[in-house]
């Protein structure tokens, strides 16, 4: 069970680096990163996966000395460790806003969140107001998973940076595969009834109309998020519709229970998913998913690269339990970009760090990412994987000890994955474009 307060984890991360840092360096206050995430309830597994990824990234950075800040004239250079403060928002907006206030009061100037676009939108609004009202206590918001396109379009903010491809970008990658699959003659859309699920359905309809106008949508529905315990009625409708493919942005238990139900009713079509590559989904669908379940991601374990393989193996060595096997390359890139930007800024002042972060370019374990200054949407490659048995060609690694992994069948480079933005960025500097 994860403690939602901060001090035990702070002490652990500092202690990790004591052998390599002087006592004077270790005594410097760490740079606190406040994570506001769902750590209880039906989606607790998604929050716990984030904790593992961020903890691992901070351990790696701290083991090499942390953040290196050049000293001002007459002041020696320093190394600052990073620490993680965890707040359980219970999946609720009000809890998230309360956590934000607590994090700021505790001195955090860097906020991270991602497993809800509705929460992310509320945090952006609150941070915009806070930073205008209290310029001496400004904060930055780093978003690793909230992918509603509006967050870097109409709601874009100088204080918000997204390190995941948004839903329209992910949908474009899936459609690059679906448009050429002539075995699919009809599709069924199903998703969670909130901003992200609505955005996925909307973009699926739009792109199907452009790329496969011959393809009828035989089902289109949204369901309550995190409250459905029995998906058999939904799976029965999907099978009865005659669809050869399901498109869904579901994640966590909403995805796992959906694919389990589809397996029970004998649905034999394909699943085009945003998150079907982990959190129980592969083991839930089992043999029925071979050659049928597709997932889009910024990175997959079976990307063929020695650096990527070493990266993945080191994560599995750190977290050997099969259930913990859900590693996010983008979270590692996010942390590396933050460190790079603080070091370039020479300070932890959020305004100055933001000016560096919006032009950050980072590479790690064969993956590269660049922040687009105009809307603070990261630009990076995307891949689509197809579920296969471990050991089959292109599938060295399985997922969560399931015996199934994802073979990369489509790669879009950053330029191919890029989409335009409607953002009109408001900057805190009066004469800066």
Protein backbone atom coordinates (compact mmCIF):
# COMPACT_ATOMS: atom_id res chain seq x y z
CA UNK A 1 0.00 0.00 0.00
CA UNK A 2 1.34 3.41 -0.94
CA UNK A 3 1.42 6.19 1.67
CA UNK A 4 -0.02 9.37 0.20
CA UNK A 5 2.09 11.72 2.28
CA UNK A 6 5.58 12.55 1.26
CA UNK A 7 8.26 12.26 3.92
CA UNK A 8 8.97 8.49 3.85
CA UNK A 9 9.62 8.58 0.10
CA UNK A 10 11.67 11.77 0.34
CA UNK A 11 13.92 10.18 2.95
CA UNK A 12 14.27 7.00 0.89
CA UNK A 13 15.33 8.85 -2.23
CA UNK A 14 17.81 11.02 -0.34
CA UNK A 15 19.26 8.00 1.47
CA UNK A 16 19.76 6.24 -1.86
CA UNK A 17 22.30 8.87 -2.88
CA UNK A 18 24.23 9.38 0.37
CA UNK A 19 27.10 7.10 -0.73
CA UNK A 20 27.80 9.28 -3.77
CA UNK A 21 27.09 12.75 -2.38
CA UNK A 22 28.76 14.72 0.36
CA UNK A 23 26.79 15.32 3.55
CA UNK A 24 26.62 19.00 2.66
CA UNK A 25 25.04 18.20 -0.69
CA UNK A 26 22.62 15.70 0.86
CA UNK A 27 21.59 18.30 3.43
CA UNK A 28 20.31 20.64 0.74
CA UNK A 29 16.54 20.61 0.52
CA UNK A 30 15.40 18.31 -2.27
CA UNK A 31 13.36 19.58 -5.20
CA UNK A 32 9.87 18.34 -4.50
CA UNK A 33 7.61 16.94 -7.23
CA UNK A 34 3.98 16.58 -6.14
CA UNK A 35 2.01 13.79 -7.80
CA UNK A 36 -1.79 14.16 -7.67
CA UNK A 37 -3.26 10.83 -8.69
CA UNK A 38 -5.86 8.16 -8.00
CA UNK A 39 -4.30 5.78 -5.46
CA UNK A 40 -7.49 4.15 -4.17
CA UNK A 41 -10.69 2.74 -5.64
CA UNK A 42 -11.25 0.95 -8.98
CA UNK A 43 -8.41 2.72 -10.81
CA UNK A 44 -5.80 2.48 -8.06
CA UNK A 45 -3.69 0.19 -10.23
CA UNK A 46 -3.18 3.01 -12.74
CA UNK A 47 -1.97 5.36 -10.00
CA UNK A 48 0.31 2.71 -8.53
CA UNK A 49 1.89 2.19 -11.96
CA UNK A 50 2.67 5.91 -12.08
CA UNK A 51 4.29 5.77 -8.63
CA UNK A 52 6.59 2.95 -9.77
CA UNK A 53 7.62 4.77 -12.94
CA UNK A 54 8.29 8.08 -11.23
CA UNK A 55 10.09 6.45 -8.31
CA UNK A 56 12.33 4.54 -10.70
CA UNK A 57 13.09 7.68 -12.71
CA UNK A 58 13.91 9.72 -9.62
CA UNK A 59 16.15 6.97 -8.28
CA UNK A 60 18.07 6.96 -11.55
CA UNK A 61 18.49 10.73 -11.59
CA UNK A 62 19.43 10.94 -7.91
CA UNK A 63 21.98 8.13 -8.27
CA UNK A 64 23.94 10.28 -10.71
CA UNK A 65 23.88 13.28 -8.38
CA UNK A 66 20.44 14.77 -8.97
CA UNK A 67 19.99 18.22 -10.48
CA UNK A 68 23.20 20.19 -10.97
CA UNK A 69 22.82 23.92 -10.37
CA UNK A 70 25.67 26.29 -11.15
CA UNK A 71 26.46 28.61 -8.26
CA UNK A 72 26.05 32.38 -8.42
CA UNK A 73 29.20 34.53 -8.03
CA UNK A 74 30.76 33.62 -4.70
CA UNK A 75 28.43 30.63 -4.23
CA UNK A 76 29.55 27.07 -4.96
CA UNK A 77 27.71 24.89 -7.43
CA UNK A 78 25.25 22.49 -5.85
CA UNK A 79 23.49 19.18 -6.46
CA UNK A 80 19.81 18.95 -5.54
CA UNK A 81 18.06 15.62 -5.20
CA UNK A 82 14.50 15.07 -6.41
CA UNK A 83 11.74 13.81 -4.14
CA UNK A 84 8.18 12.67 -4.76
CA UNK A 85 5.14 13.69 -2.73
CA UNK A 86 2.05 11.59 -3.38
CA UNK A 87 -1.51 12.82 -3.01
CA UNK A 88 -4.49 10.49 -3.44
CA UNK A 89 -7.22 12.40 -5.27
CA UNK A 90 -9.57 9.37 -5.14
CA UNK A 91 -10.38 10.08 -8.77
CA UNK A 92 -12.27 13.25 -7.81
CA UNK A 93 -11.83 16.82 -9.03
CA UNK A 94 -12.45 18.45 -5.65
CA UNK A 95 -9.96 16.14 -3.98
CA UNK A 96 -7.46 17.06 -6.70
CA UNK A 97 -7.90 20.77 -6.13
CA UNK A 98 -7.51 20.27 -2.40
CA UNK A 99 -4.33 18.26 -3.03
CA UNK A 100 -3.00 21.05 -5.25
CA UNK A 101 -3.47 23.58 -2.45
CA UNK A 102 -1.74 21.28 0.03
CA UNK A 103 1.15 20.63 -2.35
CA UNK A 104 1.70 24.35 -2.91
CA UNK A 105 1.53 25.04 0.83
CA UNK A 106 4.14 22.30 1.34
CA UNK A 107 6.48 24.08 -1.06
CA UNK A 108 6.06 22.03 -4.24
CA UNK A 109 6.56 24.01 -7.43
CA UNK A 110 6.28 21.11 -9.88
CA UNK A 111 2.97 19.25 -10.11
CA UNK A 112 2.52 16.00 -12.07
CA UNK A 113 -0.76 14.27 -12.95
CA UNK A 114 -2.22 12.39 -15.88
CA UNK A 115 -4.75 9.62 -15.29
CA UNK A 116 -7.82 11.80 -15.88
CA UNK A 117 -8.34 14.51 -18.46
CA UNK A 118 -11.18 15.99 -16.42
CA UNK A 119 -8.86 16.36 -13.43
CA UNK A 120 -6.12 17.79 -15.67
CA UNK A 121 -8.48 20.44 -17.06
CA UNK A 122 -9.46 21.50 -13.55
CA UNK A 123 -5.83 21.65 -12.45
CA UNK A 124 -4.94 23.85 -15.43
CA UNK A 125 -7.69 26.32 -14.51
CA UNK A 126 -6.69 26.35 -10.85
CA UNK A 127 -2.98 26.77 -11.61
CA UNK A 128 -3.66 29.59 -14.06
CA UNK A 129 -5.56 31.47 -11.36
CA UNK A 130 -3.06 30.68 -8.64
CA UNK A 131 -0.04 31.77 -10.70
CA UNK A 132 -1.70 35.08 -11.57
CA UNK A 133 -2.75 35.68 -7.98
CA UNK A 134 0.49 34.60 -6.31
CA UNK A 135 3.44 35.17 -8.67
CA UNK A 136 5.94 34.43 -5.90
CA UNK A 137 4.52 30.89 -5.50
CA UNK A 138 3.97 29.88 -9.11
CA UNK A 139 3.88 26.21 -10.09
CA UNK A 140 4.28 24.18 -13.29
CA UNK A 141 2.02 21.30 -14.30
CA UNK A 142 3.64 18.36 -16.10
CA UNK A 143 1.07 16.01 -17.62
CA UNK A 144 2.12 12.45 -18.48
CA UNK A 145 -1.18 10.83 -19.54
CA UNK A 146 -4.21 13.15 -19.72
CA UNK A 147 -4.79 13.09 -23.47
CA UNK A 148 -7.95 15.08 -24.15
CA UNK A 149 -6.86 17.21 -27.17
CA UNK A 150 -8.46 20.32 -25.68
CA UNK A 151 -5.68 20.56 -23.08
CA UNK A 152 -3.15 21.76 -25.67
CA UNK A 153 -5.71 23.41 -27.91
CA UNK A 154 -8.47 25.65 -26.50
CA UNK A 155 -7.31 25.20 -22.89
CA UNK A 156 -3.57 25.45 -23.57
CA UNK A 157 -1.60 27.19 -20.84
CA UNK A 158 1.96 28.44 -20.45
CA UNK A 159 2.04 26.57 -17.13
CA UNK A 160 1.00 23.19 -18.56
CA UNK A 161 3.20 20.75 -20.51
CA UNK A 162 1.93 17.47 -21.96
CA UNK A 163 4.37 14.59 -22.44
CA UNK A 164 1.94 12.10 -23.96
CA UNK A 165 0.48 12.10 -27.46
CA UNK A 166 -3.10 13.39 -27.26
CA UNK A 167 -6.11 11.31 -28.23
CA UNK A 168 -6.32 12.57 -31.82
CA UNK A 169 -2.66 11.72 -32.39
CA UNK A 170 -3.15 8.25 -30.93
CA UNK A 171 -6.27 7.72 -33.01
CA UNK A 172 -4.38 8.72 -36.16
CA UNK A 173 -1.81 6.02 -35.45
CA UNK A 174 -4.51 3.37 -34.98
CA UNK A 175 -6.25 4.54 -38.15
CA UNK A 176 -3.01 4.20 -40.10
CA UNK A 177 -3.45 0.46 -39.51
CA UNK A 178 -7.25 0.18 -39.65
CA UNK A 179 -7.63 2.02 -42.95
CA UNK A 180 -5.71 -0.73 -44.76
CA UNK A 181 -7.41 -3.68 -43.01
CA UNK A 182 -10.07 -4.73 -45.49
CA UNK A 183 -11.19 -7.65 -43.32
CA UNK A 184 -13.02 -5.09 -41.17
CA UNK A 185 -16.44 -4.26 -42.59
CA UNK A 186 -18.03 -2.58 -39.55
CA UNK A 187 -16.91 -1.13 -36.23
CA UNK A 188 -18.29 -0.60 -32.73
CA UNK A 189 -17.32 2.42 -30.63
CA UNK A 190 -17.43 2.15 -26.84
CA UNK A 191 -15.82 4.30 -24.18
CA UNK A 192 -15.98 5.96 -20.79
CA UNK A 193 -18.47 8.79 -20.42
CA UNK A 194 -16.24 11.73 -19.61
CA UNK A 195 -14.15 14.24 -21.54
CA UNK A 196 -11.48 11.81 -22.74
CA UNK A 197 -13.88 9.02 -23.72
CA UNK A 198 -16.05 11.54 -25.55
CA UNK A 199 -13.00 12.91 -27.38
CA UNK A 200 -11.96 9.41 -28.49
CA UNK A 201 -15.42 8.64 -29.88
CA UNK A 202 -15.66 12.00 -31.62
CA UNK A 203 -12.28 11.62 -33.31
CA UNK A 204 -12.98 8.00 -34.28
CA UNK A 205 -16.13 9.10 -36.09
CA UNK A 206 -14.28 11.94 -37.81
CA UNK A 207 -11.32 9.88 -38.97
CA UNK A 208 -13.45 6.93 -40.07
CA UNK A 209 -15.45 9.33 -42.20
CA UNK A 210 -12.28 10.55 -43.88
CA UNK A 211 -10.27 7.33 -44.18
CA UNK A 212 -12.91 4.58 -44.33
CA UNK A 213 -16.20 6.15 -45.44
CA UNK A 214 -17.27 2.65 -46.53
CA UNK A 215 -17.14 1.43 -42.93
CA UNK A 216 -20.44 1.59 -40.99
CA UNK A 217 -20.41 2.30 -37.25
CA UNK A 218 -22.84 -0.32 -35.90
CA UNK A 219 -22.61 0.75 -32.27
CA UNK A 220 -21.64 3.98 -30.55
CA UNK A 221 -22.04 4.26 -26.79
CA UNK A 222 -20.50 5.63 -23.63
CA UNK A 223 -20.75 4.04 -20.19
CA UNK A 224 -20.23 5.40 -16.65
CA UNK A 225 -16.55 5.52 -15.77
CA UNK A 226 -15.37 3.07 -13.11
CA UNK A 227 -18.86 2.00 -12.06
CA UNK A 228 -19.67 -0.93 -14.36
CA UNK A 229 -18.92 -4.27 -12.71
CA UNK A 230 -20.51 -6.49 -15.37
CA UNK A 231 -19.75 -5.73 -19.02
CA UNK A 232 -21.59 -8.80 -20.34
CA UNK A 233 -24.59 -6.75 -21.56
CA UNK A 234 -22.22 -4.47 -23.50
CA UNK A 235 -20.25 -7.42 -24.90
CA UNK A 236 -23.48 -9.14 -25.94
CA UNK A 237 -24.51 -6.06 -27.91
CA UNK A 238 -21.09 -5.84 -29.53
CA UNK A 239 -21.27 -9.45 -30.70
CA UNK A 240 -24.86 -9.09 -31.87
CA UNK A 241 -23.96 -6.02 -33.93
CA UNK A 242 -21.78 -8.10 -36.21
CA UNK A 243 -18.86 -5.68 -35.83
CA UNK A 244 -15.44 -6.96 -36.82
CA UNK A 245 -13.64 -4.39 -34.66
CA UNK A 246 -14.10 -2.41 -31.46
CA UNK A 247 -12.45 0.99 -30.98
CA UNK A 248 -12.06 2.00 -27.34
CA UNK A 249 -10.10 4.38 -25.17
CA UNK A 250 -11.00 2.46 -22.01
CA UNK A 251 -8.29 1.91 -19.42
CA UNK A 252 -7.87 0.19 -16.06
CA UNK A 253 -10.67 -2.09 -14.90
CA UNK A 254 -13.04 -0.64 -17.49
CA UNK A 255 -10.84 -2.13 -20.21
CA UNK A 256 -10.01 -5.38 -18.44
CA UNK A 257 -13.65 -6.17 -17.64
CA UNK A 258 -14.71 -5.25 -21.17
CA UNK A 259 -12.27 -7.63 -22.86
CA UNK A 260 -13.04 -10.38 -20.34
CA UNK A 261 -16.73 -10.06 -21.15
CA UNK A 262 -16.03 -10.07 -24.89
CA UNK A 263 -14.09 -13.28 -24.47
CA UNK A 264 -16.96 -14.86 -22.48
CA UNK A 265 -19.57 -14.13 -25.15
CA UNK A 266 -17.31 -15.37 -27.93
CA UNK A 267 -16.62 -12.08 -29.72
CA UNK A 268 -13.93 -12.79 -32.32
CA UNK A 269 -13.35 -9.33 -33.72
CA UNK A 270 -10.38 -7.02 -33.22
CA UNK A 271 -9.87 -4.48 -30.45
CA UNK A 272 -8.25 -1.21 -31.49
CA UNK A 273 -7.23 0.18 -28.10
CA UNK A 274 -5.34 3.02 -26.51
CA UNK A 275 -4.31 0.94 -23.47
CA UNK A 276 -4.82 -2.73 -24.32
CA UNK A 277 -1.16 -3.59 -23.80
CA UNK A 278 -1.14 -3.78 -19.98
CA UNK A 279 -2.98 -3.50 -16.64
CA UNK A 280 -4.49 -6.97 -16.95
CA UNK A 281 -5.93 -6.72 -20.46
CA UNK A 282 -3.61 -9.22 -22.24
CA UNK A 283 -4.08 -11.98 -19.64
CA UNK A 284 -7.81 -11.26 -19.54
CA UNK A 285 -8.36 -11.83 -23.23
CA UNK A 286 -5.77 -14.62 -23.53
CA UNK A 287 -5.49 -16.73 -26.67
CA UNK A 288 -8.49 -14.98 -28.22
CA UNK A 289 -6.39 -11.82 -28.48
CA UNK A 290 -3.63 -13.25 -30.65
CA UNK A 291 -3.63 -11.29 -33.89
CA UNK A 292 -6.71 -9.37 -32.74
CA UNK A 293 -5.79 -6.87 -29.99
CA UNK A 294 -3.96 -3.74 -31.10
CA UNK A 295 -2.55 -1.00 -28.88
CA UNK A 296 -1.01 2.38 -29.63
CA UNK A 297 1.79 3.78 -27.47
CA UNK A 298 4.75 6.11 -27.50
CA UNK A 299 6.92 3.03 -26.88
CA UNK A 300 6.53 -0.72 -26.51
CA UNK A 301 8.93 -3.25 -24.93
CA UNK A 302 9.43 -5.06 -28.24
CA UNK A 303 10.73 -2.00 -30.08
CA UNK A 304 13.87 -3.51 -31.53
CA UNK A 305 16.78 -1.56 -30.06
CA UNK A 306 19.59 -2.61 -27.71
CA UNK A 307 19.18 0.57 -25.66
CA UNK A 308 15.42 0.07 -25.43
CA UNK A 309 15.86 -3.54 -24.37
CA UNK A 310 18.33 -2.58 -21.64
CA UNK A 311 15.94 0.13 -20.44
CA UNK A 312 13.07 -2.33 -20.18
CA UNK A 313 15.14 -5.05 -18.56
CA UNK A 314 16.37 -2.64 -15.89
CA UNK A 315 12.78 -1.74 -15.01
CA UNK A 316 11.82 -5.39 -14.67
CA UNK A 317 14.86 -5.98 -12.48
CA UNK A 318 13.73 -3.11 -10.23
CA UNK A 319 10.09 -4.24 -10.14
CA UNK A 320 10.16 -8.02 -10.71
CA UNK A 321 6.54 -8.81 -9.84
CA UNK A 322 4.60 -9.57 -13.05
CA UNK A 323 1.70 -7.34 -11.97
CA UNK A 324 4.11 -4.37 -11.76
CA UNK A 325 5.21 -4.70 -15.38
CA UNK A 326 3.90 -1.45 -16.86
CA UNK A 327 6.70 0.91 -17.80
CA UNK A 328 6.16 4.32 -19.39
CA UNK A 329 8.99 5.69 -21.51
CA UNK A 330 7.27 9.09 -21.66
CA UNK A 331 7.46 9.51 -17.87
CA UNK A 332 11.21 8.98 -18.02
CA UNK A 333 11.50 11.53 -20.83
CA UNK A 334 9.38 13.95 -18.80
CA UNK A 335 11.69 13.71 -15.79
CA UNK A 336 14.78 14.05 -17.96
CA UNK A 337 13.29 17.13 -19.64
CA UNK A 338 12.51 18.69 -16.27
CA UNK A 339 16.05 18.13 -15.01
CA UNK A 340 17.51 19.46 -18.25
CA UNK A 341 15.35 22.57 -18.01
CA UNK A 342 16.11 23.30 -14.35
CA UNK A 343 19.82 22.97 -15.06
CA UNK A 344 19.58 25.22 -18.12
CA UNK A 345 17.57 27.77 -16.11
CA UNK A 346 20.06 27.66 -13.24
CA UNK A 347 17.15 27.94 -10.83
CA UNK A 348 13.96 26.19 -9.76
CA UNK A 349 11.90 29.33 -10.40
CA UNK A 350 8.90 27.92 -12.34
CA UNK A 351 8.66 30.84 -14.76
CA UNK A 352 12.30 30.56 -15.80
CA UNK A 353 12.16 26.77 -15.90
CA UNK A 354 9.04 26.93 -18.12
CA UNK A 355 10.90 29.12 -20.62
CA UNK A 356 13.51 26.37 -20.90
CA UNK A 357 11.04 23.47 -20.80
CA UNK A 358 9.08 24.75 -23.78
CA UNK A 359 12.16 24.24 -25.97
CA UNK A 360 13.39 21.02 -24.36
CA UNK A 361 14.72 18.22 -26.53
CA UNK A 362 15.60 14.94 -24.82
CA UNK A 363 16.76 11.47 -25.82
CA UNK A 364 16.77 8.42 -23.61
CA UNK A 365 17.08 4.69 -24.37
CA UNK A 366 16.75 5.27 -28.13
CA UNK A 367 13.57 7.36 -27.73
CA UNK A 368 13.54 11.10 -28.44
CA UNK A 369 11.04 13.83 -27.69
CA UNK A 370 10.83 17.56 -28.35
CA UNK A 371 8.46 20.02 -26.70
CA UNK A 372 6.53 22.16 -29.19
CA UNK A 373 6.72 25.72 -27.94
CA UNK A 374 3.49 26.91 -29.54
CA UNK A 375 1.19 24.68 -27.44
CA UNK A 376 3.44 22.69 -25.05
CA UNK A 377 2.49 19.40 -26.73
CA UNK A 378 5.42 16.97 -26.87
CA UNK A 379 6.32 15.62 -30.28
CA UNK A 380 7.55 12.02 -30.44
CA UNK A 381 7.24 8.81 -32.41
CA UNK A 382 4.23 6.52 -31.95
CA UNK A 383 3.98 2.79 -32.46
CA UNK A 384 1.10 0.34 -32.88
CA UNK A 385 1.52 -3.19 -31.57
CA UNK A 386 -0.39 -6.39 -32.27
CA UNK A 387 -0.82 -8.98 -29.52
CA UNK A 388 1.06 -12.24 -30.13
CA UNK A 389 2.48 -15.14 -28.11
CA UNK A 390 5.82 -14.47 -26.46
CA UNK A 391 8.58 -16.06 -28.51
CA UNK A 392 6.91 -15.49 -31.86
CA UNK A 393 8.85 -13.30 -34.32
CA UNK A 394 9.24 -9.76 -32.94
CA UNK A 395 7.94 -10.66 -29.46
CA UNK A 396 10.88 -11.23 -27.14
CA UNK A 397 9.07 -9.80 -24.11
CA UNK A 398 5.63 -10.65 -22.79
CA UNK A 399 3.42 -8.39 -20.68
CA UNK A 400 2.83 -8.91 -16.94
CA UNK A 401 3.93 -12.54 -17.11
CA UNK A 402 0.92 -13.29 -19.33
CA UNK A 403 2.85 -15.12 -22.04
CA UNK A 404 1.62 -12.53 -24.55
CA UNK A 405 3.41 -9.48 -25.90
CA UNK A 406 2.96 -6.87 -28.59
CA UNK A 407 4.75 -6.99 -31.93
CA UNK A 408 5.31 -3.56 -33.45
CA UNK A 409 3.44 -3.46 -36.76
CA UNK A 410 3.39 0.28 -37.44
CA UNK A 411 5.74 3.11 -36.54
CA UNK A 412 5.01 6.80 -37.08
CA UNK A 413 7.95 9.13 -36.65
CA UNK A 414 7.44 12.41 -34.81
CA UNK A 415 6.72 14.33 -38.01
CA UNK A 416 4.10 11.78 -39.10
CA UNK A 417 2.45 11.78 -35.67
CA UNK A 418 2.32 15.58 -35.41
CA UNK A 419 -1.04 17.35 -35.68
CA UNK A 420 -1.82 21.09 -35.82
CA UNK A 421 -3.02 23.00 -32.75
CA UNK A 422 -5.54 25.78 -32.22
CA UNK A 423 -3.68 27.01 -29.11
CA UNK A 424 -3.35 30.75 -28.59
CA UNK A 425 -0.71 30.82 -25.88
CA UNK A 426 -0.92 33.59 -23.30
CA UNK A 427 2.58 34.22 -21.96
CA UNK A 428 3.53 35.98 -18.71
CA UNK A 429 6.10 38.13 -20.50
CA UNK A 430 4.60 41.31 -21.97
CA UNK A 431 6.76 41.51 -25.09
CA UNK A 432 7.30 37.83 -25.82
CA UNK A 433 5.45 36.30 -28.83
